[in-house]
Amino acid sequence: MSETTNMMADISLLYPSEESLRKASVGQGGARLSEGTAEQLELYCLIDLKSCDIGSFFTSDAETIRYRQETFADMTANPELAQTLLKMLPLLNDITELRRMGGEGGGDTESYLYSITEVELYTSLMEHLKKGLLPLKEKLQSRAFTALAERIAYLTESEYYKDLNAKLNDLTKRVREIRSITVGVNLDAQLRPEYAGVLSINNEPFKSGEILDKILRLDFKQDEHTCISSLVPFRKNQSENQQMALSNAFNTAINDVFRTSVRSWKKIVQMYVLENTDFLIRMMPEIEFVVKAAELMTRLSEKGVPLCRPEIRPMGEKAFTVEDLHNPVVALKIDGEVIPNDFTFDENGMIFVITGPNRGGKSVTTCGVGIAFVLAQLGLLVPARRAVVSPVDAIYTHFPTGSEDTIDKGRLGEECARLDAIFDTLTEYGLVLLDESLSSTGSYEASYIASEVLAGFSMAKCRCIFSTHLHDLAASVDRINADCVPKGGVKIDNMVAAIDAGTRSFKVRRAKPDGKSYARDIAEKYGLSFDKILTKIEKNKQ
């Protein structure tokens, strides 16, 4: 048994205990992003993972979130950590590929060479981590990187590791110096091959024995390493089957010579190398995630976006307050300034109906709040000056998809079906984000259906944002509250994407909408007020 077997528990950059890691590995992370949420919030514009889905790291466990916050604090304080982790990935990919190739069969010689190469990669990986991680050991504060540094220090400073390197150098030398084999063939009375075998393994290639070769070497000496006649035109004008048969014959002979070494070497690999690389290979998705997440934080910081470590509150408090929240997707897409907004869920408003002009900030704010929850529950910094977050157990989005099943149900029917599906799994700890839902029908029908849905969310006691063009829905908030709050529902409140003198401010404020005032501003801006129209008419008469 390897000396590291009982040294310490498994290591994770994202999970504080073996139990939390085990639950995550079987999809029991305690929180989820509903189907389509990552795409609709454009999370892949922020962190585009190749090895897994970003939703697999989404968690509602406060201890796990705080553990990750420590991890990313170390990465922020020590930027070289990201480069060290990034350079690990090619080595780990090569080890994984070698194991796959070695497991697909092949002769013992091929397996032997794979084993040597794997251990070479392992020692290269250990030396890389020793050089990149251990000099930072005294600076590291997180439990994750402290444990990883301790493991690497233990492995690279152990006598077993030193013996492994010595063994590797010896075996590598033996294999890498092989340049030829001497084959003996016994003949019968008719000079037909009767028996053939390997006589020796040599560390220099044989000489062809051809006249041109002798002239070039200025050496006409015949010795045991000079070929006096080739047996076959090796690999020339041979079919694939012939080449395979010849290679197999040589491999079989070499296998007999190396049989003892093969067995002992593979035992070393199984008992030591496999055990001490498996935890790193398991960490590959985590490594990719933390590296790309750190890159995201750097990009946002360079854009001038404020970043804060959110205060994580118990789920039952349903707390959420952000000051100067920026939508990071928008911040990374545009060159100009992003207008920040404040947002709070509280006892006077767990559900908000946001109305206002098109392209006035409703959707940006709705998505920004959703992204803030995601980043906080991934353990990352939030793009705001201050943030307090109680985790949610799920995030549901209901945005226009452009792919509604209009043949079977019609667009309205499809929208209603998606809304109905939310209630199948929604709990009071869920977050629902709706952007221009029910826009496929007239305002009367849409407002009626939307008011029923809002009443349902109120009774579910979840947190919700409904960004809409339906001003009638906003006007019905008081009536819905009067019906639902006495029955135990949470309060619904209004927010307005403000417009000043006909100009969008992109500020979303907590206030009751004044549809007429907004209409007057728009009419004034475009010269469509009655007074301005009348002035033009009088001018045309002149």
Protein backbone atom coordinates (compact mmCIF):
# COMPACT_ATOMS: atom_id res chain seq x y z
CA MET A 1 0.00 0.00 0.00
CA SER A 2 1.24 3.49 -0.84
CA GLU A 3 2.52 5.58 2.06
CA THR A 4 0.01 8.33 1.18
CA THR A 5 -3.09 6.17 1.51
CA ASN A 6 -4.06 7.31 5.00
CA MET A 7 -2.22 10.61 4.97
CA MET A 8 -5.20 12.88 4.35
CA ALA A 9 -8.66 13.05 2.83
CA ASP A 10 -9.31 13.84 -0.80
CA ILE A 11 -8.59 17.40 -1.91
CA SER A 12 -11.00 19.72 -3.71
CA LEU A 13 -10.70 23.35 -4.74
CA LEU A 14 -14.48 23.78 -4.48
CA TYR A 15 -15.87 21.47 -1.78
CA PRO A 16 -14.91 21.61 1.91
CA SER A 17 -15.50 17.96 2.77
CA GLU A 18 -15.56 14.52 1.24
CA GLU A 19 -19.31 14.38 1.91
CA SER A 20 -20.03 17.61 0.02
CA LEU A 21 -17.78 16.44 -2.82
CA ARG A 22 -19.54 13.07 -2.95
CA LYS A 23 -22.97 14.71 -3.08
CA ALA A 24 -21.85 17.01 -5.87
CA SER A 25 -20.50 14.08 -7.87
CA VAL A 26 -23.93 12.40 -7.86
CA GLY A 27 -25.86 15.59 -8.58
CA GLN A 28 -26.90 16.39 -5.01
CA GLY A 29 -25.42 19.88 -4.78
CA GLY A 30 -28.60 21.28 -3.28
CA ALA A 31 -29.29 23.82 -6.02
CA ARG A 32 -29.86 23.84 -9.75
CA LEU A 33 -30.27 26.03 -12.78
CA SER A 34 -33.40 25.12 -14.70
CA GLU A 35 -33.13 24.07 -18.32
CA GLY A 36 -32.11 26.96 -20.52
CA THR A 37 -31.22 29.29 -17.63
CA ALA A 38 -27.47 29.33 -18.35
CA GLU A 39 -28.13 30.21 -21.99
CA GLN A 40 -30.79 32.84 -21.25
CA LEU A 41 -28.58 34.57 -18.67
CA GLU A 42 -25.66 34.29 -21.15
CA LEU A 43 -23.46 32.69 -18.52
CA TYR A 44 -21.26 31.20 -21.24
CA CYS A 45 -20.22 34.72 -22.19
CA LEU A 46 -18.72 34.87 -18.70
CA ILE A 47 -17.35 31.37 -18.07
CA ASP A 48 -17.25 28.96 -21.01
CA LEU A 49 -16.37 25.50 -19.73
CA LYS A 50 -15.33 22.64 -22.00
CA SER A 51 -15.14 19.79 -19.48
CA CYS A 52 -18.54 20.24 -17.81
CA ASP A 53 -21.63 22.43 -17.43
CA ILE A 54 -21.41 25.52 -15.23
CA GLY A 55 -24.61 24.43 -13.49
CA SER A 56 -22.77 21.45 -12.01
CA PHE A 57 -20.95 23.84 -9.66
CA PHE A 58 -24.05 25.81 -8.61
CA THR A 59 -24.70 25.23 -4.91
CA SER A 60 -26.91 26.57 -2.12
CA ASP A 61 -24.68 25.27 0.70
CA ALA A 62 -23.35 28.28 2.61
CA GLU A 63 -20.26 26.45 3.90
CA THR A 64 -19.33 25.36 0.37
CA ILE A 65 -19.77 28.93 -0.90
CA ARG A 66 -17.52 30.34 1.84
CA TYR A 67 -14.91 27.64 1.15
CA ARG A 68 -14.82 28.73 -2.49
CA GLN A 69 -14.58 32.37 -1.50
CA GLU A 70 -11.36 31.46 0.33
CA THR A 71 -10.08 29.68 -2.78
CA PHE A 72 -10.71 32.65 -5.04
CA ALA A 73 -9.29 35.08 -2.46
CA ASP A 74 -6.01 33.15 -2.68
CA MET A 75 -6.11 33.31 -6.47
CA THR A 76 -6.73 37.06 -6.38
CA ALA A 77 -3.87 37.60 -3.93
CA ASN A 78 -1.53 35.27 -5.87
CA PRO A 79 -2.21 35.65 -9.63
CA GLU A 80 0.54 33.14 -10.45
CA LEU A 81 -1.68 30.36 -9.06
CA ALA A 82 -3.90 30.56 -12.13
CA GLN A 83 -0.91 30.03 -14.45
CA THR A 84 0.32 27.10 -12.37
CA LEU A 85 -3.09 25.45 -12.54
CA LEU A 86 -3.51 26.21 -16.24
CA LYS A 87 -0.22 24.51 -17.12
CA MET A 88 -1.31 21.40 -15.21
CA LEU A 89 -4.14 20.66 -17.63
CA PRO A 90 -2.07 19.49 -20.65
CA LEU A 91 -0.08 17.13 -18.42
CA LEU A 92 -3.24 15.72 -16.86
CA ASN A 93 -4.84 15.35 -20.30
CA ASP A 94 -1.78 13.44 -21.52
CA ILE A 95 -1.89 11.10 -18.51
CA THR A 96 -5.60 10.47 -19.08
CA GLU A 97 -5.02 9.74 -22.77
CA LEU A 98 -2.13 7.39 -22.00
CA ARG A 99 -4.30 5.42 -19.59
CA ARG A 100 -6.99 5.16 -22.22
CA MET A 101 -4.52 3.95 -24.84
CA GLY A 102 -2.90 1.53 -22.41
CA GLY A 103 -6.31 0.10 -21.54
CA GLU A 104 -7.17 -0.63 -25.15
CA GLY A 105 -4.85 -3.57 -25.35
CA GLY A 106 -1.55 -3.94 -27.18
CA GLY A 107 1.49 -5.98 -26.30
CA ASP A 108 3.33 -5.92 -23.03
CA THR A 109 6.13 -3.88 -24.58
CA GLU A 110 3.73 -1.15 -25.65
CA SER A 111 2.10 -1.20 -22.20
CA TYR A 112 5.56 -1.01 -20.65
CA LEU A 113 6.43 2.09 -22.66
CA TYR A 114 3.08 3.70 -21.80
CA SER A 115 3.83 3.07 -18.11
CA ILE A 116 7.23 4.70 -18.33
CA THR A 117 5.80 7.70 -20.18
CA GLU A 118 3.01 8.02 -17.62
CA VAL A 119 5.49 8.12 -14.76
CA GLU A 120 7.59 10.66 -16.66
CA LEU A 121 4.47 12.82 -16.97
CA TYR A 122 3.70 12.28 -13.30
CA THR A 123 7.14 13.41 -12.18
CA SER A 124 6.95 16.39 -14.58
CA LEU A 125 3.60 17.29 -13.04
CA MET A 126 4.95 17.00 -9.50
CA GLU A 127 8.00 19.11 -10.33
CA HIS A 128 5.76 21.73 -11.97
CA LEU A 129 3.59 21.95 -8.86
CA LYS A 130 6.61 21.92 -6.58
CA LYS A 131 8.07 24.89 -8.46
CA GLY A 132 4.79 26.81 -8.89
CA LEU A 133 2.93 26.07 -5.65
CA LEU A 134 5.36 25.44 -2.82
CA PRO A 135 7.11 28.87 -2.94
CA LEU A 136 3.67 30.37 -2.19
CA LYS A 137 2.93 28.00 0.68
CA GLU A 138 3.40 30.56 3.45
CA LYS A 139 1.16 33.08 1.66
CA LEU A 140 -1.77 30.73 1.12
CA GLN A 141 -4.82 31.23 3.34
CA SER A 142 -7.51 28.99 1.83
CA ARG A 143 -8.12 25.48 3.04
CA ALA A 144 -8.05 24.21 -0.54
CA PHE A 145 -4.67 25.51 -1.63
CA THR A 146 -3.10 24.88 1.79
CA ALA A 147 -4.12 21.21 1.60
CA LEU A 148 -2.93 20.94 -2.01
CA ALA A 149 0.44 22.48 -1.16
CA GLU A 150 0.85 20.11 1.79
CA ARG A 151 0.05 17.11 -0.39
CA ILE A 152 2.52 18.16 -3.09
CA ALA A 153 5.22 18.86 -0.50
CA TYR A 154 4.66 15.46 1.08
CA LEU A 155 4.77 13.64 -2.25
CA THR A 156 7.83 15.38 -3.69
CA GLU A 157 9.86 15.23 -0.48
CA SER A 158 9.15 11.58 0.31
CA GLU A 159 11.75 8.84 -0.04
CA TYR A 160 9.29 6.89 -2.16
CA TYR A 161 9.17 9.71 -4.70
CA LYS A 162 12.97 9.92 -4.78
CA ASP A 163 13.20 6.14 -5.26
CA LEU A 164 10.60 6.38 -8.01
CA ASN A 165 12.68 8.97 -9.83
CA ALA A 166 15.78 6.82 -9.51
CA LYS A 167 13.90 3.77 -10.77
CA LEU A 168 12.43 5.83 -13.59
CA ASN A 169 15.86 7.11 -14.67
CA ASP A 170 17.26 3.57 -14.66
CA LEU A 171 14.38 2.04 -16.61
CA THR A 172 14.15 4.97 -19.00
CA LYS A 173 17.84 4.64 -19.76
CA ARG A 174 17.45 0.94 -20.43
CA VAL A 175 14.53 1.48 -22.80
CA ARG A 176 15.63 4.70 -24.47
CA GLU A 177 19.07 3.25 -25.28
CA ILE A 178 17.71 0.22 -27.11
CA ARG A 179 18.63 0.63 -30.77
CA SER A 180 18.58 -2.90 -32.16
CA ILE A 181 18.13 -6.57 -31.37
CA THR A 182 20.15 -9.52 -32.60
CA VAL A 183 18.02 -12.32 -33.97
CA GLY A 184 19.25 -15.90 -34.41
CA VAL A 185 17.60 -18.34 -36.85
CA ASN A 186 18.25 -22.09 -36.89
CA LEU A 187 17.95 -23.84 -40.27
CA ASP A 188 17.10 -27.42 -41.13
CA ALA A 189 18.95 -29.60 -43.64
CA GLN A 190 17.17 -27.88 -46.51
CA LEU A 191 18.17 -24.45 -45.10
CA ARG A 192 14.61 -23.66 -44.16
CA PRO A 193 13.98 -21.59 -40.96
CA GLU A 194 13.34 -24.02 -38.15
CA TYR A 195 13.55 -21.85 -35.03
CA ALA A 196 14.13 -18.14 -34.42
CA GLY A 197 14.77 -16.08 -31.30
CA VAL A 198 16.31 -12.93 -29.86
CA LEU A 199 20.00 -13.38 -29.01
CA SER A 200 20.66 -9.92 -27.56
CA ILE A 201 19.32 -6.42 -27.12
CA ASN A 202 21.82 -3.76 -28.19
CA ASN A 203 22.33 -0.07 -27.43
CA GLU A 204 23.57 0.74 -30.93
CA PRO A 205 21.91 0.26 -34.33
CA PHE A 206 23.28 -2.28 -36.79
CA LYS A 207 24.97 -1.09 -39.96
CA SER A 208 23.26 -1.79 -43.23
CA GLY A 209 26.26 -3.43 -44.87
CA GLU A 210 25.45 -1.78 -48.18
CA ILE A 211 28.37 -0.49 -50.30
CA LEU A 212 27.19 3.14 -50.17
CA ASP A 213 26.90 2.96 -46.40
CA LYS A 214 30.43 1.59 -46.15
CA ILE A 215 31.79 4.31 -48.41
CA LEU A 216 30.10 7.04 -46.39
CA ARG A 217 31.51 5.59 -43.18
CA LEU A 218 34.89 4.84 -44.78
CA ASP A 219 34.60 1.61 -42.84
CA PHE A 220 34.73 -1.75 -44.63
CA LYS A 221 34.97 -3.78 -41.46
CA GLN A 222 32.57 -6.67 -41.04
CA ASP A 223 31.47 -7.25 -37.39
CA GLU A 224 28.52 -8.50 -35.38
CA HIS A 225 26.69 -5.16 -35.93
CA THR A 226 27.00 -5.17 -39.70
CA CYS A 227 24.22 -6.64 -41.79
CA ILE A 228 25.51 -8.80 -44.62
CA SER A 229 22.08 -9.36 -46.15
CA SER A 230 18.64 -7.99 -45.33
CA LEU A 231 15.90 -10.52 -44.69
CA VAL A 232 12.95 -8.56 -46.08
CA PRO A 233 12.35 -5.07 -47.45
CA PHE A 234 11.17 -3.99 -43.97
CA ARG A 235 8.06 -1.79 -44.19
CA LYS A 236 8.56 -1.36 -47.93
CA ASN A 237 5.93 -2.75 -50.25
CA GLN A 238 4.39 -4.64 -47.34
CA SER A 239 0.70 -4.79 -46.60
CA GLU A 240 -0.58 -3.58 -43.27
CA ASN A 241 -1.13 -7.16 -42.15
CA GLN A 242 2.45 -8.11 -43.06
CA GLN A 243 3.86 -5.16 -41.14
CA MET A 244 1.65 -6.03 -38.16
CA ALA A 245 2.74 -9.66 -38.20
CA LEU A 246 6.42 -8.68 -38.25
CA SER A 247 5.97 -6.10 -35.47
CA ASN A 248 4.07 -8.61 -33.36
CA ALA A 249 6.85 -11.14 -33.80
CA PHE A 250 9.46 -8.67 -32.57
CA ASN A 251 7.21 -7.47 -29.72
CA THR A 252 6.61 -11.01 -28.57
CA ALA A 253 10.35 -11.63 -28.44
CA ILE A 254 11.03 -8.39 -26.56
CA ASN A 255 8.15 -9.16 -24.17
CA ASP A 256 9.91 -12.31 -23.08
CA VAL A 257 13.06 -10.33 -22.31
CA PHE A 258 11.17 -7.60 -20.38
CA ARG A 259 8.52 -9.78 -18.78
CA THR A 260 9.83 -9.39 -15.21
CA SER A 261 10.37 -5.65 -15.60
CA VAL A 262 6.93 -5.16 -17.07
CA ARG A 263 5.24 -6.85 -14.13
CA SER A 264 7.20 -4.98 -11.48
CA TRP A 265 6.82 -1.63 -13.23
CA LYS A 266 3.08 -1.96 -13.73
CA LYS A 267 2.78 -2.84 -10.05
CA ILE A 268 4.53 0.43 -9.16
CA VAL A 269 2.17 2.35 -11.44
CA GLN A 270 -0.92 0.74 -9.95
CA MET A 271 0.14 1.15 -6.34
CA TYR A 272 1.69 4.60 -6.44
CA VAL A 273 1.30 6.66 -9.60
CA LEU A 274 -2.37 5.87 -10.16
CA GLU A 275 -3.23 6.71 -6.57
CA ASN A 276 -1.32 9.97 -6.56
CA THR A 277 -2.60 11.30 -9.87
CA ASP A 278 -6.23 10.23 -9.57
CA PHE A 279 -7.08 13.07 -7.20
CA LEU A 280 -5.57 15.57 -9.66
CA ILE A 281 -7.35 14.05 -12.66
CA ARG A 282 -10.62 14.22 -10.74
CA MET A 283 -9.90 17.90 -10.13
CA MET A 284 -9.55 18.73 -13.84
CA PRO A 285 -13.07 20.25 -14.20
CA GLU A 286 -12.49 22.19 -10.98
CA ILE A 287 -9.15 23.46 -12.25
CA GLU A 288 -10.69 24.62 -15.52
CA PHE A 289 -13.51 26.33 -13.63
CA VAL A 290 -11.35 28.22 -11.12
CA VAL A 291 -8.90 29.33 -13.82
CA LYS A 292 -11.65 30.68 -16.08
CA ALA A 293 -13.50 32.22 -13.15
CA ALA A 294 -10.32 34.02 -12.10
CA GLU A 295 -9.92 35.24 -15.68
CA LEU A 296 -13.48 36.59 -15.55
CA MET A 297 -12.79 38.52 -12.36
CA THR A 298 -9.68 40.02 -13.99
CA ARG A 299 -11.58 41.05 -17.12
CA LEU A 300 -14.32 42.73 -15.09
CA SER A 301 -11.79 44.50 -12.90
CA GLU A 302 -9.97 45.80 -15.97
CA LYS A 303 -13.31 47.14 -17.24
CA GLY A 304 -13.68 49.15 -14.05
CA VAL A 305 -16.56 47.03 -12.71
CA PRO A 306 -16.66 47.03 -8.89
CA LEU A 307 -16.33 43.57 -7.35
CA CYS A 308 -17.25 42.57 -3.82
CA ARG A 309 -17.25 39.43 -1.73
CA PRO A 310 -20.93 38.86 -0.93
CA GLU A 311 -22.08 38.30 2.61
CA ILE A 312 -23.80 34.92 2.63
CA ARG A 313 -26.89 34.78 4.82
CA PRO A 314 -29.00 31.71 5.76
CA MET A 315 -31.34 30.52 3.03
CA GLY A 316 -34.36 30.98 5.29
CA GLU A 317 -33.77 34.73 5.59
CA LYS A 318 -34.33 35.20 1.84
CA ALA A 319 -32.03 38.20 2.00
CA PHE A 320 -30.78 39.93 -1.11
CA THR A 321 -29.37 43.42 -1.29
CA VAL A 322 -26.98 44.78 -3.90
CA GLU A 323 -25.66 48.30 -4.26
CA ASP A 324 -24.38 49.55 -7.62
CA LEU A 325 -25.06 46.22 -9.31
CA HIS A 326 -23.57 45.91 -12.81
CA ASN A 327 -24.72 43.36 -15.36
CA PRO A 328 -21.34 41.74 -16.19
CA VAL A 329 -22.44 40.44 -19.60
CA VAL A 330 -23.32 43.97 -20.70
CA ALA A 331 -20.16 45.39 -19.11
CA LEU A 332 -17.96 43.05 -21.17
CA LYS A 333 -19.86 43.67 -24.41
CA ILE A 334 -19.89 47.45 -24.57
CA ASP A 335 -17.15 50.05 -24.49
CA GLY A 336 -19.16 52.73 -22.70
CA GLU A 337 -20.26 53.08 -19.11
CA VAL A 338 -22.70 50.60 -17.59
CA ILE A 339 -25.34 52.25 -15.43
CA PRO A 340 -25.47 50.44 -12.07
CA ASN A 341 -28.63 49.86 -10.06
CA ASP A 342 -29.54 48.99 -6.49
CA PHE A 343 -31.89 46.09 -5.80
CA THR A 344 -33.40 44.59 -2.66
CA PHE A 345 -35.79 41.77 -1.87
CA ASP A 346 -37.46 42.44 1.49
CA GLU A 347 -40.70 41.97 3.41
CA ASN A 348 -42.35 44.72 1.35
CA GLY A 349 -41.41 43.15 -1.93
CA MET A 350 -40.33 39.57 -2.66
CA ILE A 351 -41.83 39.84 -6.14
CA PHE A 352 -41.32 42.82 -8.45
CA VAL A 353 -43.06 43.92 -11.60
CA ILE A 354 -40.70 46.10 -13.63
CA THR A 355 -42.24 48.32 -16.28
CA GLY A 356 -40.90 51.13 -18.43
CA PRO A 357 -39.70 51.88 -21.95
CA ASN A 358 -38.21 49.33 -24.29
CA ARG A 359 -34.40 49.20 -23.97
CA GLY A 360 -34.69 51.18 -20.76
CA GLY A 361 -32.90 48.73 -18.47
CA LYS A 362 -35.66 46.29 -17.48
CA SER A 363 -34.09 43.18 -19.00
CA VAL A 364 -30.54 44.19 -18.08
CA THR A 365 -31.56 44.55 -14.43
CA THR A 366 -33.56 41.32 -14.40
CA CYS A 367 -30.64 39.34 -15.82
CA GLY A 368 -28.16 41.22 -13.63
CA VAL A 369 -29.94 40.09 -10.48
CA GLY A 370 -30.01 36.50 -11.72
CA ILE A 371 -26.31 36.57 -12.59
CA ALA A 372 -25.49 38.05 -9.16
CA PHE A 373 -27.15 35.03 -7.51
CA VAL A 374 -25.28 32.62 -9.80
CA LEU A 375 -21.87 34.20 -9.20
CA ALA A 376 -22.44 34.40 -5.44
CA GLN A 377 -23.47 30.74 -5.27
CA LEU A 378 -20.51 29.70 -7.41
CA GLY A 379 -18.35 31.28 -4.72
CA LEU A 380 -17.24 34.22 -6.88
CA LEU A 381 -17.17 37.96 -6.39
CA VAL A 382 -20.33 39.84 -7.31
CA PRO A 383 -20.18 42.84 -9.70
CA ALA A 384 -21.46 45.37 -7.18
CA ARG A 385 -20.15 47.69 -4.49
CA ARG A 386 -21.89 45.66 -1.77
CA ALA A 387 -23.92 42.45 -1.75
CA VAL A 388 -25.84 40.40 0.80
CA VAL A 389 -27.22 37.10 -0.49
CA SER A 390 -29.32 34.25 0.87
CA PRO A 391 -28.83 31.37 -1.58
CA VAL A 392 -31.72 30.08 -3.68
CA ASP A 393 -32.35 26.40 -4.33
CA ALA A 394 -33.11 26.93 -8.02
CA ILE A 395 -33.23 29.65 -10.68
CA TYR A 396 -35.98 29.53 -13.31
CA THR A 397 -36.01 31.76 -16.38
CA HIS A 398 -38.91 32.44 -18.71
CA PHE A 399 -37.60 34.55 -21.56
CA PRO A 400 -38.73 34.71 -25.21
CA THR A 401 -36.96 31.82 -26.89
CA GLY A 402 -37.81 32.41 -30.54
CA SER A 403 -38.47 28.67 -30.89
CA GLU A 404 -41.96 28.28 -29.48
CA ASP A 405 -43.87 25.20 -30.61
CA THR A 406 -46.42 27.12 -32.66
CA ILE A 407 -47.59 24.03 -34.56
CA ASP A 408 -48.72 21.92 -31.62
CA LYS A 409 -49.75 24.53 -29.09
CA GLY A 410 -49.22 27.95 -30.63
CA ARG A 411 -46.79 30.45 -29.14
CA LEU A 412 -49.10 31.47 -26.30
CA GLY A 413 -49.79 27.84 -25.44
CA GLU A 414 -46.06 27.11 -25.37
CA GLU A 415 -45.40 30.09 -23.09
CA CYS A 416 -48.15 28.97 -20.74
CA ALA A 417 -46.81 25.40 -20.72
CA ARG A 418 -43.34 26.63 -19.72
CA LEU A 419 -44.83 28.79 -16.97
CA ASP A 420 -46.86 25.86 -15.68
CA ALA A 421 -43.74 23.66 -15.62
CA ILE A 422 -42.05 26.07 -13.21
CA PHE A 423 -44.67 25.36 -10.56
CA ASP A 424 -43.93 21.62 -10.76
CA THR A 425 -40.70 22.03 -8.75
CA LEU A 426 -40.82 25.59 -7.39
CA THR A 427 -40.26 26.06 -3.63
CA GLU A 428 -40.27 29.18 -1.49
CA TYR A 429 -36.48 29.31 -1.87
CA GLY A 430 -36.57 29.54 -5.65
CA LEU A 431 -35.88 32.57 -7.85
CA VAL A 432 -38.04 33.14 -10.94
CA LEU A 433 -37.00 35.59 -13.66
CA LEU A 434 -39.54 36.49 -16.34
CA ASP A 435 -38.69 38.83 -19.19
CA GLU A 436 -41.50 40.00 -21.49
CA SER A 437 -43.43 36.79 -20.83
CA LEU A 438 -46.83 36.43 -22.52
CA SER A 439 -45.88 38.95 -25.20
CA SER A 440 -47.40 36.66 -27.82
CA THR A 441 -50.98 37.69 -27.08
CA GLY A 442 -53.02 40.83 -26.58
CA SER A 443 -52.58 42.97 -23.50
CA TYR A 444 -55.96 42.01 -21.98
CA GLU A 445 -55.35 38.24 -22.16
CA ALA A 446 -51.68 38.65 -21.18
CA SER A 447 -52.48 40.81 -18.16
CA TYR A 448 -55.13 38.37 -16.96
CA ILE A 449 -52.86 35.32 -17.25
CA ALA A 450 -49.90 37.20 -15.77
CA SER A 451 -51.90 38.33 -12.74
CA GLU A 452 -52.90 34.71 -12.08
CA VAL A 453 -49.26 33.64 -12.37
CA LEU A 454 -48.09 36.43 -10.06
CA ALA A 455 -50.70 35.41 -7.49
CA GLY A 456 -49.33 31.86 -7.72
CA PHE A 457 -45.76 33.05 -7.14
CA SER A 458 -46.97 35.11 -4.17
CA MET A 459 -48.53 32.03 -2.60
CA ALA A 460 -45.39 29.99 -3.38
CA LYS A 461 -43.49 32.64 -1.36
CA CYS A 462 -40.60 32.65 -3.81
CA ARG A 463 -38.55 35.57 -5.05
CA CYS A 464 -39.44 36.78 -8.53
CA ILE A 465 -38.85 39.55 -11.06
CA PHE A 466 -41.35 40.08 -13.87
CA SER A 467 -40.02 42.49 -16.50
CA THR A 468 -42.95 43.43 -18.72
CA HIS A 469 -44.55 45.88 -21.10
CA LEU A 470 -47.93 45.18 -19.46
CA HIS A 471 -48.74 48.37 -17.58
CA ASP A 472 -52.15 46.95 -16.67
CA LEU A 473 -50.36 44.19 -14.77
CA ALA A 474 -48.40 46.75 -12.77
CA ALA A 475 -51.65 48.53 -11.95
CA SER A 476 -53.11 45.30 -10.57
CA VAL A 477 -50.36 44.74 -7.97
CA ASP A 478 -52.40 46.23 -5.10
CA ARG A 479 -55.38 44.02 -5.92
CA ILE A 480 -53.21 40.85 -6.05
CA ASN A 481 -51.62 41.75 -2.73
CA ALA A 482 -55.04 42.31 -1.18
CA ASP A 483 -56.06 38.80 -2.27
CA CYS A 484 -52.85 36.90 -1.47
CA VAL A 485 -51.11 38.50 1.52
CA PRO A 486 -53.96 37.70 3.98
CA LYS A 487 -53.68 34.09 2.84
CA GLY A 488 -49.96 33.94 3.59
CA GLY A 489 -48.56 35.10 0.26
CA VAL A 490 -45.54 37.41 -0.05
CA LYS A 491 -45.89 41.00 -1.15
CA ILE A 492 -45.53 42.16 -4.74
CA ASP A 493 -44.09 45.60 -5.49
CA ASN A 494 -43.49 47.76 -8.54
CA MET A 495 -40.30 49.05 -10.09
CA VAL A 496 -39.95 51.44 -13.01
CA ALA A 497 -37.21 51.85 -15.61
CA ALA A 498 -36.99 55.61 -15.32
CA ILE A 499 -37.19 58.07 -18.16
CA ASP A 500 -36.34 61.73 -17.73
CA ALA A 501 -37.62 64.30 -20.24
CA GLY A 502 -38.11 61.56 -22.81
CA THR A 503 -34.58 60.16 -22.33
CA ARG A 504 -33.84 56.71 -20.89
CA SER A 505 -31.77 56.95 -17.72
CA PHE A 506 -31.30 53.14 -17.42
CA LYS A 507 -32.01 53.55 -13.72
CA VAL A 508 -34.58 51.14 -12.29
CA ARG A 509 -36.33 52.57 -9.26
CA ARG A 510 -38.80 51.18 -6.77
CA ALA A 511 -41.96 53.17 -7.54
CA LYS A 512 -45.45 52.86 -8.94
CA PRO A 513 -45.55 53.33 -12.71
CA ASP A 514 -47.17 56.38 -14.24
CA GLY A 515 -47.96 55.21 -17.74
CA LYS A 516 -49.45 58.55 -18.76
CA SER A 517 -46.40 60.50 -17.60
CA TYR A 518 -44.14 58.12 -19.56
CA ALA A 519 -46.35 58.47 -22.64
CA ARG A 520 -46.27 62.27 -22.34
CA ASP A 521 -42.45 62.24 -22.19
CA ILE A 522 -42.21 60.07 -25.28
CA ALA A 523 -44.73 62.22 -27.14
CA GLU A 524 -42.80 65.36 -26.24
CA LYS A 525 -39.49 63.82 -27.27
CA TYR A 526 -40.71 62.89 -30.73
CA GLY A 527 -42.84 66.03 -31.25
CA LEU A 528 -46.12 64.17 -31.02
CA SER A 529 -47.79 66.16 -28.26
CA PHE A 530 -51.00 67.89 -29.34
CA ASP A 531 -49.41 71.34 -28.91
CA LYS A 532 -46.41 70.50 -31.08
CA ILE A 533 -48.56 68.86 -33.74
CA LEU A 534 -50.82 71.92 -33.78
CA THR A 535 -47.80 74.22 -34.16
CA LYS A 536 -46.67 72.28 -37.24
CA ILE A 537 -50.14 72.36 -38.76
CA GLU A 538 -50.35 76.13 -38.32
CA LYS A 539 -46.88 76.51 -39.80
CA ASN A 540 -47.88 74.49 -42.87
CA LYS A 541 -50.82 76.80 -43.48
CA GLN A 542 -48.55 79.81 -43.85
